[in-house]
Amino acid sequence: AKDASDMLFYGSMPLPLIFVFDKEIRKDALKVGLMYLQAMSSFGVVYTSSAMLADRFRPYTYNPDVPMSKRTGGGGKNSFMSGHPGLVATSTFFVAKVFSDYHPEWKNKWILYTLAGGASLTTGILRIKAGEHFPTDVMVGIPMGVLAGILIPHMHKNKDFNKQRLTVSPVMSGETYGFHATYKLK
């Protein structure tokens, strides 16, 4: 189960390279590549922070059939949240979101999102079976990955700012820091 989850994990990382076969997306390769890097980095920061802050041992550390050297070795306390399923979710949902945004006319977007969810869930189940994570680790890791994979491209979508009714911007003046919000009535 661990090897199979590793294959999904490592196989999902280069997945956005399939965009080189799409003429519309290929012309924005640098922009899409940087967005992917941002999505993966965002998930990576959340994962690393949670692993450092949550004092939770992996399930295999409680298994007497696992050699003591593995149970007491490094990584035994990185249970929360699950990184493999979350990263697979980030990558696969990123691909689904970007493709859907570039091809809004395509009617079968649900297929991409179903495949993304299936790959993420399969990775999570395999990690649980391998004794690497508890179900709750996976239940948090996957949604975090989905959020990173969908929200990062969504926030970068070009918008017509003349039609925006609500504008929020940061304010820094001397020792004052905050946000300024403007709402335009129709």
Foldseek 3Di string as FASTA:
>chain_A
DVVVLVCLQVVLLCVVVVCCVPPQVVVVVVVLVVLLVQLLVQLVVVLVVQLVVDQAFFQVLVPPVDDPCVNPDPPRRSAAADDSLLSLLQRQLLNLQVVCVSCVVDPVSVVSVVVSVVSSVVSLVVCVVVRGYDNVNSVPSNVSSNCSSNVSVVVVDDDDVVPDQKDKDWDDDPPDTDIDIGGHDD
